Amino acid sequence: MSESIPPALQPPVAVALAKLVKTFPPPGALPGVIYAEPKWDGYRTIALINFDGVTLWSRQGKELTRISVGVSASALTLA
C-alpha cells in the first residue's frame, strides 16, 4: 500500500459495525462520498482505493482482495 495514505488509514482499517437505521443519509449530508446499501448476507468489507489499486479488508483484518476479484474490479470504477 502506498506511503501516501495517512497512518490511520493504513490497512487493516477498522470496519464499522452495522447500525439499524430507518433511512440512509441523503446525498451531501456527510463530508466525502458515501456508498451504502443494505447488508443482506456476506462479508462486511472496506475497500481502500488509491493509485496503486484496490485492497479489500475484513472486520477481522484479513485481506480479501484475492478472493473478491470482482468486487475489487468494481471498486476501481468508483475511483
PDB file of N, CA and C in Angstrom:
ATOM      1  N   MET A   1       0.857  -1.179   0.000  1.00  0.00           N
ATOM      2  CA  MET A   1       0.000   0.000   0.000  1.00  0.00           C
ATOM      3  C   MET A   1       0.893   1.230   0.000  1.00  0.00           C
ATOM      4  N   SER A   2       0.454   2.239  -0.614  1.00  0.00           N
ATOM      5  CA  SER A   2       1.252   3.441  -0.797  1.00  0.00           C
ATOM      6  C   SER A   2       1.528   4.153   0.517  1.00  0.00           C
ATOM      7  N   GLU A   3       2.714   4.737   0.611  1.00  0.00           N
ATOM      8  CA  GLU A   3       3.060   5.526   1.788  1.00  0.00           C
ATOM      9  C   GLU A   3       2.305   6.844   1.828  1.00  0.00           C
ATOM     10  N   SER A   4       1.587   7.202   0.757  1.00  0.00           N
ATOM     11  CA  SER A   4       0.842   8.456   0.737  1.00  0.00           C
ATOM     12  C   SER A   4      -0.449   8.370   1.548  1.00  0.00           C
ATOM     13  N   ILE A   5      -0.823   7.169   1.956  1.00  0.00           N
ATOM     14  CA  ILE A   5      -2.028   7.008   2.769  1.00  0.00           C
ATOM     15  C   ILE A   5      -1.676   7.341   4.213  1.00  0.00           C
ATOM     16  N   PRO A   6      -2.480   8.187   4.883  1.00  0.00           N
ATOM     17  CA  PRO A   6      -2.197   8.535   6.279  1.00  0.00           C
ATOM     18  C   PRO A   6      -2.132   7.274   7.153  1.00  0.00           C
ATOM     19  N   PRO A   7      -1.286   7.280   8.176  1.00  0.00           N
ATOM     20  CA  PRO A   7      -1.137   6.097   9.026  1.00  0.00           C
ATOM     21  C   PRO A   7      -2.455   5.547   9.574  1.00  0.00           C
ATOM     22  N   ALA A   8      -3.390   6.408   9.911  1.00  0.00           N
ATOM     23  CA  ALA A   8      -4.670   5.943  10.458  1.00  0.00           C
ATOM     24  C   ALA A   8      -5.486   5.154   9.439  1.00  0.00           C
ATOM     25  N   LEU A   9      -5.171   5.340   8.157  1.00  0.00           N
ATOM     26  CA  LEU A   9      -5.899   4.635   7.110  1.00  0.00           C
ATOM     27  C   LEU A   9      -5.103   3.482   6.510  1.00  0.00           C
ATOM     28  N   GLN A  10      -3.928   3.208   7.039  1.00  0.00           N
ATOM     29  CA  GLN A  10      -3.152   2.074   6.552  1.00  0.00           C
ATOM     30  C   GLN A  10      -3.893   0.787   6.915  1.00  0.00           C
ATOM     31  N   PRO A  11      -3.913  -0.161   6.037  1.00  0.00           N
ATOM     32  CA  PRO A  11      -4.622  -1.405   6.339  1.00  0.00           C
ATOM     33  C   PRO A  11      -3.936  -2.186   7.459  1.00  0.00           C
ATOM     34  N   PRO A  12      -4.667  -3.011   8.171  1.00  0.00           N
ATOM     35  CA  PRO A  12      -6.129  -3.114   8.107  1.00  0.00           C
ATOM     36  C   PRO A  12      -6.798  -1.949   8.829  1.00  0.00           C
ATOM     37  N   VAL A  13      -7.899  -1.486   8.303  1.00  0.00           N
ATOM     38  CA  VAL A  13      -8.667  -0.370   8.847  1.00  0.00           C
ATOM     39  C   VAL A  13      -9.889  -0.946   9.558  1.00  0.00           C
ATOM     40  N   ALA A  14     -10.244  -0.364  10.684  1.00  0.00           N
ATOM     41  CA  ALA A  14     -11.414  -0.834  11.417  1.00  0.00           C
ATOM     42  C   ALA A  14     -12.666  -0.641  10.563  1.00  0.00           C
ATOM     43  N   VAL A  15     -13.434  -1.700  10.422  1.00  0.00           N
ATOM     44  CA  VAL A  15     -14.683  -1.651   9.661  1.00  0.00           C
ATOM     45  C   VAL A  15     -15.819  -1.435  10.645  1.00  0.00           C
ATOM     46  N   ALA A  16     -16.660  -0.471  10.354  1.00  0.00           N
ATOM     47  CA  ALA A  16     -17.758  -0.153  11.263  1.00  0.00           C
ATOM     48  C   ALA A  16     -18.741  -1.310  11.384  1.00  0.00           C
ATOM     49  N   LEU A  17     -19.259  -1.469  12.574  1.00  0.00           N
ATOM     50  CA  LEU A  17     -20.310  -2.456  12.784  1.00  0.00           C
ATOM     51  C   LEU A  17     -21.626  -1.900  12.261  1.00  0.00           C
ATOM     52  N   ALA A  18     -22.529  -2.782  11.945  1.00  0.00           N
ATOM     53  CA  ALA A  18     -23.832  -2.375  11.428  1.00  0.00           C
ATOM     54  C   ALA A  18     -24.625  -1.635  12.501  1.00  0.00           C
ATOM     55  N   LYS A  19     -25.430  -0.695  12.057  1.00  0.00           N
ATOM     56  CA  LYS A  19     -26.308   0.055  12.946  1.00  0.00           C
ATOM     57  C   LYS A  19     -27.667   0.132  12.269  1.00  0.00           C
ATOM     58  N   LEU A  20     -28.691  -0.260  12.976  1.00  0.00           N
ATOM     59  CA  LEU A  20     -30.028  -0.226  12.417  1.00  0.00           C
ATOM     60  C   LEU A  20     -30.495   1.215  12.244  1.00  0.00           C
ATOM     61  N   VAL A  21     -30.870   1.572  11.016  1.00  0.00           N
ATOM     62  CA  VAL A  21     -31.413   2.895  10.720  1.00  0.00           C
ATOM     63  C   VAL A  21     -32.637   2.726   9.842  1.00  0.00           C
ATOM     64  N   LYS A  22     -33.547   3.698   9.900  1.00  0.00           N
ATOM     65  CA  LYS A  22     -34.757   3.630   9.079  1.00  0.00           C
ATOM     66  C   LYS A  22     -34.508   4.140   7.662  1.00  0.00           C
ATOM     67  N   THR A  23     -33.551   5.082   7.496  1.00  0.00           N
ATOM     68  CA  THR A  23     -33.224   5.618   6.177  1.00  0.00           C
ATOM     69  C   THR A  23     -31.723   5.892   6.107  1.00  0.00           C
ATOM     70  N   PHE A  24     -31.198   5.956   4.885  1.00  0.00           N
ATOM     71  CA  PHE A  24     -29.803   6.332   4.668  1.00  0.00           C
ATOM     72  C   PHE A  24     -29.701   7.849   4.662  1.00  0.00           C
ATOM     73  N   PRO A  25     -28.524   8.403   5.002  1.00  0.00           N
ATOM     74  CA  PRO A  25     -28.345   9.848   4.900  1.00  0.00           C
ATOM     75  C   PRO A  25     -28.521  10.291   3.444  1.00  0.00           C
ATOM     76  N   PRO A  26     -29.169  11.436   3.225  1.00  0.00           N
ATOM     77  CA  PRO A  26     -29.332  11.921   1.839  1.00  0.00           C
ATOM     78  C   PRO A  26     -27.988  12.387   1.280  1.00  0.00           C
ATOM     79  N   PRO A  27     -27.881  12.487  -0.053  1.00  0.00           N
ATOM     80  CA  PRO A  27     -26.638  12.968  -0.665  1.00  0.00           C
ATOM     81  C   PRO A  27     -26.237  14.320  -0.082  1.00  0.00           C
ATOM     82  N   GLY A  28     -24.957  14.490   0.219  1.00  0.00           N
ATOM     83  CA  GLY A  28     -24.457  15.749   0.750  1.00  0.00           C
ATOM     84  C   GLY A  28     -24.636  15.916   2.250  1.00  0.00           C
ATOM     85  N   ALA A  29     -25.226  14.938   2.936  1.00  0.00           N
ATOM     86  CA  ALA A  29     -25.459  15.062   4.373  1.00  0.00           C
ATOM     87  C   ALA A  29     -24.168  14.931   5.181  1.00  0.00           C
ATOM     88  N   LEU A  30     -23.205  14.214   4.637  1.00  0.00           N
ATOM     89  CA  LEU A  30     -21.929  13.994   5.323  1.00  0.00           C
ATOM     90  C   LEU A  30     -20.785  14.379   4.398  1.00  0.00           C
ATOM     91  N   PRO A  31     -19.622  14.749   4.955  1.00  0.00           N
ATOM     92  CA  PRO A  31     -18.487  15.090   4.092  1.00  0.00           C
ATOM     93  C   PRO A  31     -17.990  13.859   3.337  1.00  0.00           C
ATOM     94  N   GLY A  32     -17.435  14.094   2.180  1.00  0.00           N
ATOM     95  CA  GLY A  32     -16.907  12.992   1.379  1.00  0.00           C
ATOM     96  C   GLY A  32     -18.009  12.311   0.591  1.00  0.00           C
ATOM     97  N   VAL A  33     -17.743  11.086   0.209  1.00  0.00           N
ATOM     98  CA  VAL A  33     -18.677  10.316  -0.606  1.00  0.00           C
ATOM     99  C   VAL A  33     -19.075   9.067   0.169  1.00  0.00           C
ATOM    100  N   ILE A  34     -20.347   8.746   0.147  1.00  0.00           N
ATOM    101  CA  ILE A  34     -20.839   7.547   0.829  1.00  0.00           C
ATOM    102  C   ILE A  34     -21.470   6.626  -0.198  1.00  0.00           C
ATOM    103  N   TYR A  35     -21.030   5.386  -0.194  1.00  0.00           N
ATOM    104  CA  TYR A  35     -21.665   4.342  -0.980  1.00  0.00           C
ATOM    105  C   TYR A  35     -22.205   3.344   0.030  1.00  0.00           C
ATOM    106  N   ALA A  36     -23.502   3.181   0.081  1.00  0.00           N
ATOM    107  CA  ALA A  36     -24.090   2.299   1.084  1.00  0.00           C
ATOM    108  C   ALA A  36     -25.252   1.538   0.490  1.00  0.00           C
ATOM    109  N   GLU A  37     -25.468   0.371   1.037  1.00  0.00           N
ATOM    110  CA  GLU A  37     -26.622  -0.431   0.665  1.00  0.00           C
ATOM    111  C   GLU A  37     -26.891  -1.390   1.808  1.00  0.00           C
ATOM    112  N   PRO A  38     -28.085  -1.939   1.879  1.00  0.00           N
ATOM    113  CA  PRO A  38     -28.364  -2.907   2.940  1.00  0.00           C
ATOM    114  C   PRO A  38     -27.430  -4.111   2.838  1.00  0.00           C
ATOM    115  N   LYS A  39     -27.043  -4.632   3.970  1.00  0.00           N
ATOM    116  CA  LYS A  39     -26.198  -5.835   4.001  1.00  0.00           C
ATOM    117  C   LYS A  39     -27.112  -7.011   4.311  1.00  0.00           C
ATOM    118  N   TRP A  40     -27.413  -7.775   3.298  1.00  0.00           N
ATOM    119  CA  TRP A  40     -28.319  -8.913   3.471  1.00  0.00           C
ATOM    120  C   TRP A  40     -27.571 -10.155   3.924  1.00  0.00           C
ATOM    121  N   ASP A  41     -26.409 -10.393   3.358  1.00  0.00           N
ATOM    122  CA  ASP A  41     -25.634 -11.572   3.684  1.00  0.00           C
ATOM    123  C   ASP A  41     -24.239 -11.375   3.119  1.00  0.00           C
ATOM    124  N   GLY A  42     -23.276 -12.085   3.636  1.00  0.00           N
ATOM    125  CA  GLY A  42     -21.935 -11.999   3.078  1.00  0.00           C
ATOM    126  C   GLY A  42     -20.964 -11.307   4.000  1.00  0.00           C
ATOM    127  N   TYR A  43     -19.967 -10.652   3.419  1.00  0.00           N
ATOM    128  CA  TYR A  43     -18.876 -10.044   4.174  1.00  0.00           C
ATOM    129  C   TYR A  43     -19.080  -8.546   4.324  1.00  0.00           C
ATOM    130  N   ARG A  44     -18.675  -8.024   5.474  1.00  0.00           N
ATOM    131  CA  ARG A  44     -18.581  -6.576   5.656  1.00  0.00           C
ATOM    132  C   ARG A  44     -17.134  -6.236   5.315  1.00  0.00           C
ATOM    133  N   THR A  45     -16.945  -5.417   4.299  1.00  0.00           N
ATOM    134  CA  THR A  45     -15.616  -5.170   3.753  1.00  0.00           C
ATOM    135  C   THR A  45     -15.383  -3.682   3.579  1.00  0.00           C
ATOM    136  N   ILE A  46     -14.148  -3.279   3.739  1.00  0.00           N
ATOM    137  CA  ILE A  46     -13.766  -1.908   3.416  1.00  0.00           C
ATOM    138  C   ILE A  46     -12.805  -1.968   2.238  1.00  0.00           C
ATOM    139  N   ALA A  47     -12.992  -1.064   1.287  1.00  0.00           N
ATOM    140  CA  ALA A  47     -12.127  -1.006   0.110  1.00  0.00           C
ATOM    141  C   ALA A  47     -11.244   0.230   0.211  1.00  0.00           C
ATOM    142  N   LEU A  48      -9.944   0.028   0.104  1.00  0.00           N
ATOM    143  CA  LEU A  48      -9.001   1.137   0.039  1.00  0.00           C
ATOM    144  C   LEU A  48      -8.574   1.277  -1.410  1.00  0.00           C
ATOM    145  N   ILE A  49      -8.876   2.442  -1.985  1.00  0.00           N
ATOM    146  CA  ILE A  49      -8.610   2.691  -3.400  1.00  0.00           C
ATOM    147  C   ILE A  49      -7.600   3.832  -3.499  1.00  0.00           C
ATOM    148  N   ASN A  50      -6.479   3.567  -4.159  1.00  0.00           N
ATOM    149  CA  ASN A  50      -5.524   4.629  -4.446  1.00  0.00           C
ATOM    150  C   ASN A  50      -4.861   4.334  -5.777  1.00  0.00           C
ATOM    151  N   PHE A  51      -3.821   5.090  -6.136  1.00  0.00           N
ATOM    152  CA  PHE A  51      -3.203   4.907  -7.455  1.00  0.00           C
ATOM    153  C   PHE A  51      -2.525   3.552  -7.601  1.00  0.00           C
ATOM    154  N   ASP A  52      -2.269   2.856  -6.485  1.00  0.00           N
ATOM    155  CA  ASP A  52      -1.681   1.513  -6.549  1.00  0.00           C
ATOM    156  C   ASP A  52      -2.716   0.444  -6.867  1.00  0.00           C
ATOM    157  N   GLY A  53      -3.982   0.774  -6.754  1.00  0.00           N
ATOM    158  CA  GLY A  53      -5.050  -0.194  -6.981  1.00  0.00           C
ATOM    159  C   GLY A  53      -6.014  -0.254  -5.815  1.00  0.00           C
ATOM    160  N   VAL A  54      -6.628  -1.405  -5.625  1.00  0.00           N
ATOM    161  CA  VAL A  54      -7.646  -1.610  -4.597  1.00  0.00           C
ATOM    162  C   VAL A  54      -7.208  -2.745  -3.684  1.00  0.00           C
ATOM    163  N   THR A  55      -7.413  -2.564  -2.387  1.00  0.00           N
ATOM    164  CA  THR A  55      -7.289  -3.672  -1.452  1.00  0.00           C
ATOM    165  C   THR A  55      -8.565  -3.735  -0.634  1.00  0.00           C
ATOM    166  N   LEU A  56      -9.026  -4.936  -0.390  1.00  0.00           N
ATOM    167  CA  LEU A  56     -10.243  -5.174   0.391  1.00  0.00           C
ATOM    168  C   LEU A  56      -9.858  -5.812   1.715  1.00  0.00           C
ATOM    169  N   TRP A  57     -10.511  -5.365   2.792  1.00  0.00           N
ATOM    170  CA  TRP A  57     -10.201  -5.852   4.138  1.00  0.00           C
ATOM    171  C   TRP A  57     -11.469  -6.231   4.878  1.00  0.00           C
ATOM    172  N   SER A  58     -11.372  -7.301   5.682  1.00  0.00           N
ATOM    173  CA  SER A  58     -12.496  -7.743   6.505  1.00  0.00           C
ATOM    174  C   SER A  58     -12.448  -7.047   7.863  1.00  0.00           C
ATOM    175  N   ARG A  59     -13.518  -7.226   8.653  1.00  0.00           N
ATOM    176  CA  ARG A  59     -13.539  -6.707  10.019  1.00  0.00           C
ATOM    177  C   ARG A  59     -12.437  -7.326  10.866  1.00  0.00           C
ATOM    178  N   GLN A  60     -12.048  -8.554  10.564  1.00  0.00           N
ATOM    179  CA  GLN A  60     -11.021  -9.233  11.337  1.00  0.00           C
ATOM    180  C   GLN A  60      -9.602  -8.871  10.887  1.00  0.00           C
ATOM    181  N   GLY A  61      -9.469  -7.958   9.925  1.00  0.00           N
ATOM    182  CA  GLY A  61      -8.169  -7.526   9.458  1.00  0.00           C
ATOM    183  C   GLY A  61      -7.542  -8.441   8.420  1.00  0.00           C
ATOM    184  N   LYS A  62      -8.361  -9.295   7.800  1.00  0.00           N
ATOM    185  CA  LYS A  62      -7.859 -10.186   6.758  1.00  0.00           C
ATOM    186  C   LYS A  62      -8.022  -9.524   5.396  1.00  0.00           C
ATOM    187  N   GLU A  63      -6.991  -9.629   4.567  1.00  0.00           N
ATOM    188  CA  GLU A  63      -7.102  -9.076   3.215  1.00  0.00           C
ATOM    189  C   GLU A  63      -7.951 -10.010   2.364  1.00  0.00           C
ATOM    190  N   LEU A  64      -8.983  -9.455   1.715  1.00  0.00           N
ATOM    191  CA  LEU A  64      -9.931 -10.230   0.906  1.00  0.00           C
ATOM    192  C   LEU A  64      -9.779  -9.979  -0.586  1.00  0.00           C
ATOM    193  N   THR A  65      -8.782  -9.200  -0.986  1.00  0.00           N
ATOM    194  CA  THR A  65      -8.655  -8.799  -2.389  1.00  0.00           C
ATOM    195  C   THR A  65      -8.597  -9.997  -3.330  1.00  0.00           C
ATOM    196  N   ARG A  66      -7.787 -10.974  -3.038  1.00  0.00           N
ATOM    197  CA  ARG A  66      -7.597 -12.095  -3.968  1.00  0.00           C
ATOM    198  C   ARG A  66      -8.806 -13.022  -4.048  1.00  0.00           C
ATOM    199  N   ILE A  67      -9.670 -13.025  -3.013  1.00  0.00           N
ATOM    200  CA  ILE A  67     -10.859 -13.887  -3.079  1.00  0.00           C
ATOM    201  C   ILE A  67     -12.103 -13.125  -3.533  1.00  0.00           C
ATOM    202  N   SER A  68     -11.946 -11.815  -3.741  1.00  0.00           N
ATOM    203  CA  SER A  68     -13.072 -10.982  -4.191  1.00  0.00           C
ATOM    204  C   SER A  68     -12.648 -10.152  -5.388  1.00  0.00           C
ATOM    205  N   VAL A  69     -12.148 -10.812  -6.415  1.00  0.00           N
ATOM    206  CA  VAL A  69     -11.611 -10.122  -7.585  1.00  0.00           C
ATOM    207  C   VAL A  69     -12.679  -9.250  -8.257  1.00  0.00           C
ATOM    208  N   GLY A  70     -13.907  -9.753  -8.358  1.00  0.00           N
ATOM    209  CA  GLY A  70     -14.984  -8.977  -8.981  1.00  0.00           C
ATOM    210  C   GLY A  70     -15.304  -7.717  -8.217  1.00  0.00           C
ATOM    211  N   VAL A  71     -15.293  -7.807  -6.886  1.00  0.00           N
ATOM    212  CA  VAL A  71     -15.550  -6.624  -6.047  1.00  0.00           C
ATOM    213  C   VAL A  71     -14.413  -5.625  -6.214  1.00  0.00           C
ATOM    214  N   SER A  72     -13.181  -6.113  -6.248  1.00  0.00           N
ATOM    215  CA  SER A  72     -12.034  -5.231  -6.446  1.00  0.00           C
ATOM    216  C   SER A  72     -12.131  -4.484  -7.768  1.00  0.00           C
ATOM    217  N   ALA A  73     -12.471  -5.199  -8.824  1.00  0.00           N
ATOM    218  CA  ALA A  73     -12.604  -4.585 -10.144  1.00  0.00           C
ATOM    219  C   ALA A  73     -13.726  -3.540 -10.149  1.00  0.00           C
ATOM    220  N   SER A  74     -14.827  -3.856  -9.499  1.00  0.00           N
ATOM    221  CA  SER A  74     -15.943  -2.901  -9.424  1.00  0.00           C
ATOM    222  C   SER A  74     -15.557  -1.659  -8.628  1.00  0.00           C
ATOM    223  N   ALA A  75     -14.799  -1.851  -7.555  1.00  0.00           N
ATOM    224  CA  ALA A  75     -14.372  -0.702  -6.736  1.00  0.00           C
ATOM    225  C   ALA A  75     -13.505   0.255  -7.536  1.00  0.00           C
ATOM    226  N   LEU A  76     -12.699  -0.259  -8.456  1.00  0.00           N
ATOM    227  CA  LEU A  76     -11.873   0.627  -9.289  1.00  0.00           C
ATOM    228  C   LEU A  76     -12.713   1.578 -10.131  1.00  0.00           C
ATOM    229  N   THR A  77     -13.911   1.188 -10.494  1.00  0.00           N
ATOM    230  CA  THR A  77     -14.770   2.062 -11.295  1.00  0.00           C
ATOM    231  C   THR A  77     -15.308   3.232 -10.463  1.00  0.00           C
ATOM    232  N   LEU A  78     -15.226   3.153  -9.121  1.00  0.00           N
ATOM    233  CA  LEU A  78     -15.704   4.228  -8.254  1.00  0.00           C
ATOM    234  C   LEU A  78     -14.675   5.323  -8.090  1.00  0.00           C
ATOM    235  N   ALA A  79     -13.425   5.011  -8.397  1.00  0.00           N
ATOM    236  CA  ALA A  79     -12.344   5.992  -8.194  1.00  0.00           C
ATOM    237  C   ALA A  79     -12.437   7.127  -9.174  1.00  0.00           C
TER     238      ALA A  79
END
